[in-house]
Every structure is written in structure tokens, then in C-alpha cells.
Protein backbone atom coordinates (compact mmCIF):
# COMPACT_ATOMS: atom_id res chain seq x y z
CA MET A 1 23.53 71.50 -10.43
CA ASP A 2 26.32 71.49 -13.09
CA PHE A 3 25.35 70.44 -16.62
CA ASP A 4 28.85 71.00 -18.23
CA ASP A 5 30.64 68.08 -19.57
CA THR A 6 33.77 66.84 -17.61
CA PRO A 7 37.01 66.49 -19.62
CA ALA A 8 36.47 62.72 -19.73
CA GLU A 9 32.98 63.14 -21.02
CA VAL A 10 34.17 65.43 -23.76
CA ALA A 11 36.91 63.00 -24.83
CA PHE A 12 34.38 60.15 -24.78
CA ARG A 13 31.97 62.06 -27.05
CA ALA A 14 34.70 62.92 -29.52
CA ARG A 15 35.96 59.33 -29.52
CA ALA A 16 32.35 58.06 -30.19
CA ARG A 17 31.60 60.56 -32.85
CA ALA A 18 34.91 59.86 -34.53
CA TRP A 19 34.11 56.12 -34.56
CA LEU A 20 30.62 56.63 -35.84
CA GLU A 21 31.79 59.08 -38.61
CA GLU A 22 34.17 56.22 -39.71
CA HIS A 23 31.82 53.30 -39.48
CA VAL A 24 28.36 54.44 -40.22
CA ALA A 25 27.16 54.38 -43.83
CA PRO A 26 25.87 57.77 -45.18
CA GLU A 27 22.39 56.32 -45.85
CA TYR A 28 22.09 55.59 -42.27
CA ARG A 29 23.04 58.95 -40.93
CA ALA A 30 20.17 61.14 -39.45
CA GLU A 31 20.54 63.89 -42.07
CA SER A 32 19.72 61.37 -44.91
CA GLY A 33 16.36 60.45 -43.23
CA ALA A 34 14.64 57.02 -42.83
CA ASP A 35 12.69 57.37 -46.08
CA GLU A 36 15.53 55.94 -48.03
CA LEU A 37 15.29 52.70 -46.05
CA ALA A 38 11.68 52.19 -46.97
CA ASP A 39 12.57 49.97 -49.81
CA VAL A 40 14.77 47.59 -47.95
CA ASP A 41 13.54 44.05 -47.46
CA ARG A 42 13.33 42.51 -44.08
CA ALA A 43 15.94 39.84 -44.57
CA THR A 44 18.41 42.33 -46.03
CA TYR A 45 17.65 44.71 -43.08
CA GLY A 46 18.12 41.99 -40.47
CA ALA A 47 21.57 40.97 -42.00
CA GLU A 48 22.60 44.72 -41.93
CA CYS A 49 21.52 44.90 -38.35
CA ARG A 50 23.49 41.92 -37.44
CA ALA A 51 26.50 43.25 -39.28
CA TRP A 52 26.20 46.61 -37.37
CA GLN A 53 26.01 44.82 -34.00
CA ARG A 54 29.28 42.88 -34.99
CA ARG A 55 31.07 46.10 -35.87
CA LEU A 56 29.94 47.68 -32.60
CA PHE A 57 31.35 44.81 -30.73
CA ASP A 58 34.48 44.55 -32.72
CA GLY A 59 35.10 48.39 -32.07
CA GLY A 60 34.57 48.01 -28.29
CA TRP A 61 31.09 49.56 -28.30
CA ALA A 62 27.83 47.99 -26.96
CA GLY A 63 24.70 48.32 -29.11
CA LEU A 64 21.66 47.68 -27.13
CA ALA A 65 18.30 48.09 -28.81
């Protein structure tokens, strides 16, 4: 079984990482941790989630959760 990425998979990962780097706010990146989001109220969080889904759609990505 071959677990190495194909050239197409390498290109896809690079494109996805570049898009995320450009569009994900620093406070939502894994290295910042979820503790910083504890103070966000539900209405604000819901609005931010909908805005994120819109950015994914506009960028040609699907965001299933």
C-alpha cells in the first residue's frame, strides 16, 4: 500500500493551506487554542460561523460541519 501523496494531492494541500493562511483569522488557528473563544457570546459566534461558511463558499471550498 502506497501512502505517499500524488503530485495532485501535494498541489491540492498547498492550495488549501495557502487559502486558509490568507482567510483564517489568527485567533481561530490551532496554535492560538480554543481558550480565547470562551468569552464569545453565542449570537456573535453564530454570525461568525455563517460568515466563515460564506467565505468558504466564495473561495470555492465546501465547509461541512
